[in-house]
Amino acid sequence: MGILAILAGLATGIVLGLFGSGGSIIATPALLYLLDVEPKSAIAMSLGIVAVTATIAALDNWKRGNVDVSVAAVFGLFGVAGTYAGARLGVATPVVIQLVVFALVMYAAAWRMLKPARLAVPASAGGSVSASGGAAALPCSGLFSPCMAHMALHGIGVGVLTGFVGVGGGFLIVPALVLLSRIPMKVAVGTSLAIVAAKSYAGFAGYMGAVPIDWALMGGFTAVTVAASFAGTRIAHRFSQDTLKRAFAVFLLFVASYILLQSIS
């Protein structure tokens, strides 16, 4: 595996460790433009790489008590179904459409990271309040609560996007979990990793047999990404999350613009 693959794997793992999301947004362009992987194969391999990395990171968070298993089960179950459907749709869709949608998703992720945070934060035992000071909905109380139904719908929607353009969707899952289930940010990140892992496996399965996979490159890329994800987790404790998010958002804007220009040309 060349130096470019190693650097790309390092970047993917560090981003996943820092934010609990964003791995595919790094991996897909890296495979596509740095390593000259065919577009549909790059999307599929990105899903496989993130699936393994997110699994290991999610297990580490679970050991620390930072995964809400019931929320992960509901969001993940419906997300898996949506992801597989999105992957099958992606196989039959012209690649230029996939890349344009992928770039638009990156713009949306950058906008969310640059936008001032208004996520809910837990309050005392009586419920929760939003970061902007307003009243918030009651937390989820069981598998059949209204917020779980909303999570199922979000799971399907994010899942279709995951399979279609090859992103784990963590940048959409984390705020959805905080707003719908009222769980702390740290738990939302850990739970997101578990959901991203499940959906990425489903997306990869949807492309299996339909596009060629470079297993050697994917294996080496994954190994580097897994190691770097632990480094990313440790880096996250040393720097301001706001600063890191702004820097990542600017990076996303540049990469999304490059993908759009390449797709149009």
C-alpha atoms as a PDB file:
ATOM      1  CA  MET A   1       0.000   0.000   0.000  1.00  0.00           C
ATOM      2  CA  GLY A   2       1.420   3.363  -1.045  1.00  0.00           C
ATOM      3  CA  ILE A   3       1.985   6.482   1.027  1.00  0.00           C
ATOM      4  CA  LEU A   4      -1.168   8.121  -0.364  1.00  0.00           C
ATOM      5  CA  ALA A   5      -3.318   5.223   0.840  1.00  0.00           C
ATOM      6  CA  ILE A   6      -1.708   5.397   4.278  1.00  0.00           C
ATOM      7  CA  LEU A   7      -2.287   9.152   4.544  1.00  0.00           C
ATOM      8  CA  ALA A   8      -5.895   8.774   3.385  1.00  0.00           C
ATOM      9  CA  GLY A   9      -6.494   6.001   5.926  1.00  0.00           C
ATOM     10  CA  LEU A  10      -5.000   8.145   8.686  1.00  0.00           C
ATOM     11  CA  ALA A  11      -7.275  11.058   7.785  1.00  0.00           C
ATOM     12  CA  THR A  12     -10.369   8.826   7.649  1.00  0.00           C
ATOM     13  CA  GLY A  13      -9.684   7.241  11.039  1.00  0.00           C
ATOM     14  CA  ILE A  14      -8.834  10.497  12.783  1.00  0.00           C
ATOM     15  CA  VAL A  15     -12.058  12.132  11.541  1.00  0.00           C
ATOM     16  CA  LEU A  16     -14.145   9.154  12.686  1.00  0.00           C
ATOM     17  CA  GLY A  17     -12.464   9.217  16.093  1.00  0.00           C
ATOM     18  CA  LEU A  18     -12.955  12.965  16.476  1.00  0.00           C
ATOM     19  CA  PHE A  19     -16.595  13.298  15.427  1.00  0.00           C
ATOM     20  CA  GLY A  20     -18.150   9.805  15.318  1.00  0.00           C
ATOM     21  CA  SER A  21     -18.900  10.578  11.672  1.00  0.00           C
ATOM     22  CA  GLY A  22     -17.348  11.845   8.464  1.00  0.00           C
ATOM     23  CA  GLY A  23     -15.194   8.817   7.642  1.00  0.00           C
ATOM     24  CA  SER A  24     -16.767   8.114   4.269  1.00  0.00           C
ATOM     25  CA  ILE A  25     -16.624  11.776   3.340  1.00  0.00           C
ATOM     26  CA  ILE A  26     -12.821  11.432   3.517  1.00  0.00           C
ATOM     27  CA  ALA A  27     -12.471   7.843   2.285  1.00  0.00           C
ATOM     28  CA  THR A  28     -14.562   8.053  -0.888  1.00  0.00           C
ATOM     29  CA  PRO A  29     -12.763  11.054  -2.457  1.00  0.00           C
ATOM     30  CA  ALA A  30      -9.399   9.601  -1.351  1.00  0.00           C
ATOM     31  CA  LEU A  31     -10.088   6.281  -3.060  1.00  0.00           C
ATOM     32  CA  LEU A  32     -11.516   8.043  -6.094  1.00  0.00           C
ATOM     33  CA  TYR A  33      -9.014  10.833  -6.730  1.00  0.00           C
ATOM     34  CA  LEU A  34      -5.821   9.836  -4.877  1.00  0.00           C
ATOM     35  CA  LEU A  35      -5.851   6.096  -5.529  1.00  0.00           C
ATOM     36  CA  ASP A  36      -7.684   6.049  -8.902  1.00  0.00           C
ATOM     37  CA  VAL A  37     -10.376   3.592  -7.826  1.00  0.00           C
ATOM     38  CA  GLU A  38     -13.428   3.404 -10.137  1.00  0.00           C
ATOM     39  CA  PRO A  39     -16.262   5.544  -8.664  1.00  0.00           C
ATOM     40  CA  LYS A  40     -18.787   2.833  -7.793  1.00  0.00           C
ATOM     41  CA  SER A  41     -16.021   0.641  -6.374  1.00  0.00           C
ATOM     42  CA  ALA A  42     -14.781   3.599  -4.304  1.00  0.00           C
ATOM     43  CA  ILE A  43     -18.271   4.071  -2.843  1.00  0.00           C
ATOM     44  CA  ALA A  44     -18.558   0.370  -1.998  1.00  0.00           C
ATOM     45  CA  MET A  45     -15.048   0.084  -0.518  1.00  0.00           C
ATOM     46  CA  SER A  46     -15.606   3.233   1.534  1.00  0.00           C
ATOM     47  CA  LEU A  47     -18.665   1.612   3.114  1.00  0.00           C
ATOM     48  CA  GLY A  48     -16.656  -1.517   3.959  1.00  0.00           C
ATOM     49  CA  ILE A  49     -13.788   0.480   5.470  1.00  0.00           C
ATOM     50  CA  VAL A  50     -16.083   2.590   7.630  1.00  0.00           C
ATOM     51  CA  ALA A  51     -18.123  -0.464   8.680  1.00  0.00           C
ATOM     52  CA  VAL A  52     -15.116  -2.193  10.245  1.00  0.00           C
ATOM     53  CA  THR A  53     -13.665   0.976  11.766  1.00  0.00           C
ATOM     54  CA  ALA A  54     -16.981   2.121  13.238  1.00  0.00           C
ATOM     55  CA  THR A  55     -17.584  -1.360  14.694  1.00  0.00           C
ATOM     56  CA  ILE A  56     -14.335  -1.292  16.654  1.00  0.00           C
ATOM     57  CA  ALA A  57     -14.877   2.300  17.790  1.00  0.00           C
ATOM     58  CA  ALA A  58     -18.474   1.502  18.806  1.00  0.00           C
ATOM     59  CA  LEU A  59     -17.340  -1.487  20.894  1.00  0.00           C
ATOM     60  CA  ASP A  60     -14.850   0.758  22.686  1.00  0.00           C
ATOM     61  CA  ASN A  61     -17.624   3.278  23.403  1.00  0.00           C
ATOM     62  CA  TRP A  62     -19.970   0.498  24.547  1.00  0.00           C
ATOM     63  CA  LYS A  63     -17.399  -0.659  27.113  1.00  0.00           C
ATOM     64  CA  ARG A  64     -17.310   2.925  28.403  1.00  0.00           C
ATOM     65  CA  GLY A  65     -21.119   3.013  28.677  1.00  0.00           C
ATOM     66  CA  ASN A  66     -21.530   5.457  25.803  1.00  0.00           C
ATOM     67  CA  VAL A  67     -23.929   3.437  23.603  1.00  0.00           C
ATOM     68  CA  ASP A  68     -27.723   3.423  24.033  1.00  0.00           C
ATOM     69  CA  VAL A  69     -28.491  -0.100  22.843  1.00  0.00           C
ATOM     70  CA  SER A  70     -32.275   0.324  22.403  1.00  0.00           C
ATOM     71  CA  VAL A  71     -31.857   3.504  20.350  1.00  0.00           C
ATOM     72  CA  ALA A  72     -29.115   1.900  18.255  1.00  0.00           C
ATOM     73  CA  ALA A  73     -31.341  -1.133  17.638  1.00  0.00           C
ATOM     74  CA  VAL A  74     -34.334   0.877  16.368  1.00  0.00           C
ATOM     75  CA  PHE A  75     -32.402   3.433  14.312  1.00  0.00           C
ATOM     76  CA  GLY A  76     -29.982   0.769  13.070  1.00  0.00           C
ATOM     77  CA  LEU A  77     -32.614  -1.809  12.098  1.00  0.00           C
ATOM     78  CA  PHE A  78     -34.575   0.601   9.901  1.00  0.00           C
ATOM     79  CA  GLY A  79     -31.353   2.208   8.725  1.00  0.00           C
ATOM     80  CA  VAL A  80     -30.014  -1.136   7.487  1.00  0.00           C
ATOM     81  CA  ALA A  81     -33.132  -1.677   5.377  1.00  0.00           C
ATOM     82  CA  GLY A  82     -32.890   1.806   3.905  1.00  0.00           C
ATOM     83  CA  THR A  83     -29.157   1.469   3.252  1.00  0.00           C
ATOM     84  CA  TYR A  84     -29.484  -1.792   1.350  1.00  0.00           C
ATOM     85  CA  ALA A  85     -32.242  -0.277  -0.808  1.00  0.00           C
ATOM     86  CA  GLY A  86     -30.115   2.831  -1.394  1.00  0.00           C
ATOM     87  CA  ALA A  87     -27.120   0.717  -2.425  1.00  0.00           C
ATOM     88  CA  ARG A  88     -29.168  -1.256  -4.952  1.00  0.00           C
ATOM     89  CA  LEU A  89     -30.464   2.052  -6.318  1.00  0.00           C
ATOM     90  CA  GLY A  90     -26.901   3.350  -6.473  1.00  0.00           C
ATOM     91  CA  VAL A  91     -25.756   0.391  -8.569  1.00  0.00           C
ATOM     92  CA  ALA A  92     -28.260   1.341 -11.288  1.00  0.00           C
ATOM     93  CA  THR A  93     -27.764   5.135 -11.095  1.00  0.00           C
ATOM     94  CA  PRO A  94     -25.334   7.025 -13.398  1.00  0.00           C
ATOM     95  CA  VAL A  95     -22.181   7.749 -11.414  1.00  0.00           C
ATOM     96  CA  VAL A  96     -22.270  11.470 -12.197  1.00  0.00           C
ATOM     97  CA  ILE A  97     -25.582  11.743 -10.320  1.00  0.00           C
ATOM     98  CA  GLN A  98     -24.114   9.892  -7.339  1.00  0.00           C
ATOM     99  CA  LEU A  99     -21.079  12.188  -7.230  1.00  0.00           C
ATOM    100  CA  VAL A 100     -23.170  15.349  -7.489  1.00  0.00           C
ATOM    101  CA  VAL A 101     -25.447  14.155  -4.667  1.00  0.00           C
ATOM    102  CA  PHE A 102     -22.342  13.210  -2.673  1.00  0.00           C
ATOM    103  CA  ALA A 103     -20.952  16.744  -3.091  1.00  0.00           C
ATOM    104  CA  LEU A 104     -24.277  18.253  -2.004  1.00  0.00           C
ATOM    105  CA  VAL A 105     -24.243  16.040   1.094  1.00  0.00           C
ATOM    106  CA  MET A 106     -20.753  17.362   1.879  1.00  0.00           C
ATOM    107  CA  TYR A 107     -22.009  20.951   1.536  1.00  0.00           C
ATOM    108  CA  ALA A 108     -24.849  20.110   3.933  1.00  0.00           C
ATOM    109  CA  ALA A 109     -22.404  18.580   6.417  1.00  0.00           C
ATOM    110  CA  ALA A 110     -20.166  21.671   6.223  1.00  0.00           C
ATOM    111  CA  TRP A 111     -23.170  23.958   6.759  1.00  0.00           C
ATOM    112  CA  ARG A 112     -24.238  21.987   9.831  1.00  0.00           C
ATOM    113  CA  MET A 113     -20.737  22.171  11.304  1.00  0.00           C
ATOM    114  CA  LEU A 114     -20.417  25.913  10.688  1.00  0.00           C
ATOM    115  CA  LYS A 115     -23.889  26.653  12.030  1.00  0.00           C
ATOM    116  CA  PRO A 116     -23.982  27.655  15.732  1.00  0.00           C
ATOM    117  CA  ALA A 117     -24.968  24.646  17.819  1.00  0.00           C
ATOM    118  CA  ARG A 118     -28.561  24.499  19.038  1.00  0.00           C
ATOM    119  CA  LEU A 119     -28.571  20.863  20.159  1.00  0.00           C
ATOM    120  CA  ALA A 120     -30.515  19.862  23.221  1.00  0.00           C
ATOM    121  CA  VAL A 121     -28.764  19.197  26.497  1.00  0.00           C
ATOM    122  CA  PRO A 122     -30.075  17.021  29.320  1.00  0.00           C
ATOM    123  CA  ALA A 123     -31.651  18.722  32.308  1.00  0.00           C
ATOM    124  CA  SER A 124     -32.470  17.314  35.703  1.00  0.00           C
ATOM    125  CA  ALA A 125     -34.694  14.302  36.230  1.00  0.00           C
ATOM    126  CA  GLY A 126     -37.828  16.120  35.069  1.00  0.00           C
ATOM    127  CA  GLY A 127     -36.889  16.274  31.399  1.00  0.00           C
ATOM    128  CA  SER A 128     -34.539  18.344  29.262  1.00  0.00           C
ATOM    129  CA  VAL A 129     -34.056  21.777  27.810  1.00  0.00           C
ATOM    130  CA  SER A 130     -32.593  22.874  24.508  1.00  0.00           C
ATOM    131  CA  ALA A 131     -29.256  24.647  24.198  1.00  0.00           C
ATOM    132  CA  SER A 132     -31.124  27.759  23.085  1.00  0.00           C
ATOM    133  CA  GLY A 133     -33.093  27.772  26.315  1.00  0.00           C
ATOM    134  CA  GLY A 134     -36.510  26.551  25.129  1.00  0.00           C
ATOM    135  CA  ALA A 135     -38.568  23.673  26.391  1.00  0.00           C
ATOM    136  CA  ALA A 136     -37.810  20.239  24.988  1.00  0.00           C
ATOM    137  CA  ALA A 137     -39.751  17.058  24.461  1.00  0.00           C
ATOM    138  CA  LEU A 138     -39.678  14.263  26.983  1.00  0.00           C
ATOM    139  CA  PRO A 139     -37.032  11.587  26.503  1.00  0.00           C
ATOM    140  CA  CYS A 140     -37.756   8.244  24.886  1.00  0.00           C
ATOM    141  CA  SER A 141     -39.302   5.879  27.414  1.00  0.00           C
ATOM    142  CA  GLY A 142     -39.493   2.633  25.453  1.00  0.00           C
ATOM    143  CA  LEU A 143     -39.320   0.880  22.112  1.00  0.00           C
ATOM    144  CA  PHE A 144     -42.889   1.911  21.213  1.00  0.00           C
ATOM    145  CA  SER A 145     -42.702   5.579  22.223  1.00  0.00           C
ATOM    146  CA  PRO A 146     -43.463   8.303  19.620  1.00  0.00           C
ATOM    147  CA  CYS A 147     -39.816   9.390  19.450  1.00  0.00           C
ATOM    148  CA  MET A 148     -38.814   5.813  18.519  1.00  0.00           C
ATOM    149  CA  ALA A 149     -41.247   5.995  15.591  1.00  0.00           C
ATOM    150  CA  HIS A 150     -39.561   9.214  14.468  1.00  0.00           C
ATOM    151  CA  MET A 151     -36.183   7.536  14.817  1.00  0.00           C
ATOM    152  CA  ALA A 152     -37.338   4.666  12.608  1.00  0.00           C
ATOM    153  CA  LEU A 153     -38.334   7.139   9.876  1.00  0.00           C
ATOM    154  CA  HIS A 154     -35.025   8.976  10.214  1.00  0.00           C
ATOM    155  CA  GLY A 155     -33.238   5.638  10.064  1.00  0.00           C
ATOM    156  CA  ILE A 156     -34.837   4.786   6.735  1.00  0.00           C
ATOM    157  CA  GLY A 157     -34.113   8.219   5.247  1.00  0.00           C
ATOM    158  CA  VAL A 158     -30.496   8.382   6.366  1.00  0.00           C
ATOM    159  CA  GLY A 159     -30.065   4.749   5.340  1.00  0.00           C
ATOM    160  CA  VAL A 160     -31.140   5.378   1.745  1.00  0.00           C
ATOM    161  CA  LEU A 161     -28.659   8.266   1.560  1.00  0.00           C
ATOM    162  CA  THR A 162     -25.922   6.055   3.046  1.00  0.00           C
ATOM    163  CA  GLY A 163     -26.313   3.347   0.429  1.00  0.00           C
ATOM    164  CA  PHE A 164     -26.802   5.694  -2.501  1.00  0.00           C
ATOM    165  CA  VAL A 165     -23.717   7.892  -2.072  1.00  0.00           C
ATOM    166  CA  GLY A 166     -21.566   5.802   0.269  1.00  0.00           C
ATOM    167  CA  VAL A 167     -21.615   7.885   3.457  1.00  0.00           C
ATOM    168  CA  GLY A 168     -22.125   6.511   6.942  1.00  0.00           C
ATOM    169  CA  GLY A 169     -24.481   9.363   7.783  1.00  0.00           C
ATOM    170  CA  GLY A 170     -23.103  10.012  11.265  1.00  0.00           C
ATOM    171  CA  PHE A 171     -23.235  13.784  10.730  1.00  0.00           C
ATOM    172  CA  LEU A 172     -27.020  13.383  10.343  1.00  0.00           C
ATOM    173  CA  ILE A 173     -27.453  10.697  13.008  1.00  0.00           C
ATOM    174  CA  VAL A 174     -25.754  12.505  15.914  1.00  0.00           C
ATOM    175  CA  PRO A 175     -28.031  15.589  15.948  1.00  0.00           C
ATOM    176  CA  ALA A 176     -31.084  13.402  15.305  1.00  0.00           C
ATOM    177  CA  LEU A 177     -30.257  11.275  18.351  1.00  0.00           C
ATOM    178  CA  VAL A 178     -29.702  14.279  20.588  1.00  0.00           C
ATOM    179  CA  LEU A 179     -32.913  15.978  19.474  1.00  0.00           C
ATOM    180  CA  LEU A 180     -35.152  12.898  19.359  1.00  0.00           C
ATOM    181  CA  SER A 181     -33.892  10.759  22.234  1.00  0.00           C
ATOM    182  CA  ARG A 182     -32.521  13.561  24.445  1.00  0.00           C
ATOM    183  CA  ILE A 183     -29.313  11.615  25.176  1.00  0.00           C
ATOM    184  CA  PRO A 184     -26.017  13.376  26.001  1.00  0.00           C
ATOM    185  CA  MET A 185     -23.658  14.242  23.145  1.00  0.00           C
ATOM    186  CA  LYS A 186     -21.030  11.717  24.230  1.00  0.00           C
ATOM    187  CA  VAL A 187     -23.607   8.894  24.189  1.00  0.00           C
ATOM    188  CA  ALA A 188     -24.998  10.154  20.880  1.00  0.00           C
ATOM    189  CA  VAL A 189     -21.535   9.864  19.281  1.00  0.00           C
ATOM    190  CA  GLY A 190     -21.043   6.305  20.597  1.00  0.00           C
ATOM    191  CA  THR A 191     -24.555   5.254  19.549  1.00  0.00           C
ATOM    192  CA  SER A 192     -24.020   6.858  16.141  1.00  0.00           C
ATOM    193  CA  LEU A 193     -20.910   4.748  15.583  1.00  0.00           C
ATOM    194  CA  ALA A 194     -22.902   1.559  16.250  1.00  0.00           C
ATOM    195  CA  ILE A 195     -25.613   2.662  13.799  1.00  0.00           C
ATOM    196  CA  VAL A 196     -23.062   3.754  11.173  1.00  0.00           C
ATOM    197  CA  ALA A 197     -21.372   0.346  11.411  1.00  0.00           C
ATOM    198  CA  ALA A 198     -24.622  -1.578  10.858  1.00  0.00           C
ATOM    199  CA  LYS A 199     -25.719   0.624   7.954  1.00  0.00           C
ATOM    200  CA  SER A 200     -22.301   0.548   6.296  1.00  0.00           C
ATOM    201  CA  TYR A 201     -22.274  -3.275   6.340  1.00  0.00           C
ATOM    202  CA  ALA A 202     -25.701  -3.242   4.685  1.00  0.00           C
ATOM    203  CA  GLY A 203     -24.549  -0.768   2.058  1.00  0.00           C
ATOM    204  CA  PHE A 204     -21.426  -2.778   1.310  1.00  0.00           C
ATOM    205  CA  ALA A 205     -23.553  -5.916   0.950  1.00  0.00           C
ATOM    206  CA  GLY A 206     -25.775  -4.048  -1.516  1.00  0.00           C
ATOM    207  CA  TYR A 207     -22.773  -3.398  -3.808  1.00  0.00           C
ATOM    208  CA  MET A 208     -21.180  -6.837  -3.374  1.00  0.00           C
ATOM    209  CA  GLY A 209     -21.129  -8.786  -6.619  1.00  0.00           C
ATOM    210  CA  ALA A 210     -22.204  -5.745  -8.644  1.00  0.00           C
ATOM    211  CA  VAL A 211     -18.912  -3.801  -8.610  1.00  0.00           C
ATOM    212  CA  PRO A 212     -15.246  -4.912  -8.432  1.00  0.00           C
ATOM    213  CA  ILE A 213     -13.550  -4.715  -5.011  1.00  0.00           C
ATOM    214  CA  ASP A 214      -9.776  -4.359  -4.481  1.00  0.00           C
ATOM    215  CA  TRP A 215      -9.602  -6.433  -1.304  1.00  0.00           C
ATOM    216  CA  ALA A 216      -5.880  -5.848  -0.687  1.00  0.00           C
ATOM    217  CA  LEU A 217      -6.213  -2.069  -0.897  1.00  0.00           C
ATOM    218  CA  MET A 218      -9.384  -2.114   1.171  1.00  0.00           C
ATOM    219  CA  GLY A 219      -7.768  -4.281   3.862  1.00  0.00           C
ATOM    220  CA  GLY A 220      -4.678  -2.095   4.171  1.00  0.00           C
ATOM    221  CA  PHE A 221      -6.734   1.109   4.161  1.00  0.00           C
ATOM    222  CA  THR A 222      -8.989  -0.326   6.876  1.00  0.00           C
ATOM    223  CA  ALA A 223      -6.069  -1.327   9.124  1.00  0.00           C
ATOM    224  CA  VAL A 224      -4.610   2.183   9.002  1.00  0.00           C
ATOM    225  CA  THR A 225      -8.038   3.739   9.546  1.00  0.00           C
ATOM    226  CA  VAL A 226      -8.745   1.616  12.636  1.00  0.00           C
ATOM    227  CA  ALA A 227      -5.407   2.574  14.228  1.00  0.00           C
ATOM    228  CA  ALA A 228      -5.941   6.250  13.414  1.00  0.00           C
ATOM    229  CA  SER A 229      -9.465   6.239  14.897  1.00  0.00           C
ATOM    230  CA  PHE A 230      -8.004   5.648  18.371  1.00  0.00           C
ATOM    231  CA  ALA A 231      -5.610   8.538  17.814  1.00  0.00           C
ATOM    232  CA  GLY A 232      -8.560  10.699  16.765  1.00  0.00           C
ATOM    233  CA  THR A 233     -10.396   9.864  19.984  1.00  0.00           C
ATOM    234  CA  ARG A 234      -7.410  11.009  22.015  1.00  0.00           C
ATOM    235  CA  ILE A 235      -6.883  14.146  19.933  1.00  0.00           C
ATOM    236  CA  ALA A 236     -10.502  15.096  20.546  1.00  0.00           C
ATOM    237  CA  HIS A 237      -9.726  15.624  24.242  1.00  0.00           C
ATOM    238  CA  ARG A 238      -6.851  18.034  23.512  1.00  0.00           C
ATOM    239  CA  PHE A 239      -8.499  20.601  21.235  1.00  0.00           C
ATOM    240  CA  SER A 240     -11.651  22.662  21.129  1.00  0.00           C
ATOM    241  CA  GLN A 241     -14.438  20.780  19.332  1.00  0.00           C
ATOM    242  CA  ASP A 242     -15.664  24.048  17.796  1.00  0.00           C
ATOM    243  CA  THR A 243     -12.253  24.731  16.270  1.00  0.00           C
ATOM    244  CA  LEU A 244     -11.967  21.202  14.900  1.00  0.00           C
ATOM    245  CA  LYS A 245     -15.460  21.303  13.428  1.00  0.00           C
ATOM    246  CA  ARG A 246     -14.841  24.621  11.686  1.00  0.00           C
ATOM    247  CA  ALA A 247     -11.584  23.360  10.175  1.00  0.00           C
ATOM    248  CA  PHE A 248     -13.262  20.169   8.976  1.00  0.00           C
ATOM    249  CA  ALA A 249     -16.164  22.154   7.504  1.00  0.00           C
ATOM    250  CA  VAL A 250     -13.792  24.315   5.449  1.00  0.00           C
ATOM    251  CA  PHE A 251     -12.069  21.165   4.209  1.00  0.00           C
ATOM    252  CA  LEU A 252     -15.444  19.713   3.186  1.00  0.00           C
ATOM    253  CA  LEU A 253     -16.280  22.843   1.202  1.00  0.00           C
ATOM    254  CA  PHE A 254     -13.063  22.565  -0.810  1.00  0.00           C
ATOM    255  CA  VAL A 255     -13.463  18.832  -1.499  1.00  0.00           C
ATOM    256  CA  ALA A 256     -17.169  19.173  -2.424  1.00  0.00           C
ATOM    257  CA  SER A 257     -16.353  21.981  -4.847  1.00  0.00           C
ATOM    258  CA  TYR A 258     -13.595  19.880  -6.438  1.00  0.00           C
ATOM    259  CA  ILE A 259     -15.946  16.883  -6.861  1.00  0.00           C
ATOM    260  CA  LEU A 260     -18.616  19.096  -8.458  1.00  0.00           C
ATOM    261  CA  LEU A 261     -16.121  20.624 -10.875  1.00  0.00           C
ATOM    262  CA  GLN A 262     -14.758  17.197 -11.812  1.00  0.00           C
ATOM    263  CA  SER A 263     -18.259  15.756 -12.263  1.00  0.00           C
ATOM    264  CA  ILE A 264     -19.459  18.631 -14.424  1.00  0.00           C
ATOM    265  CA  SER A 265     -16.323  18.617 -16.573  1.00  0.00           C
END
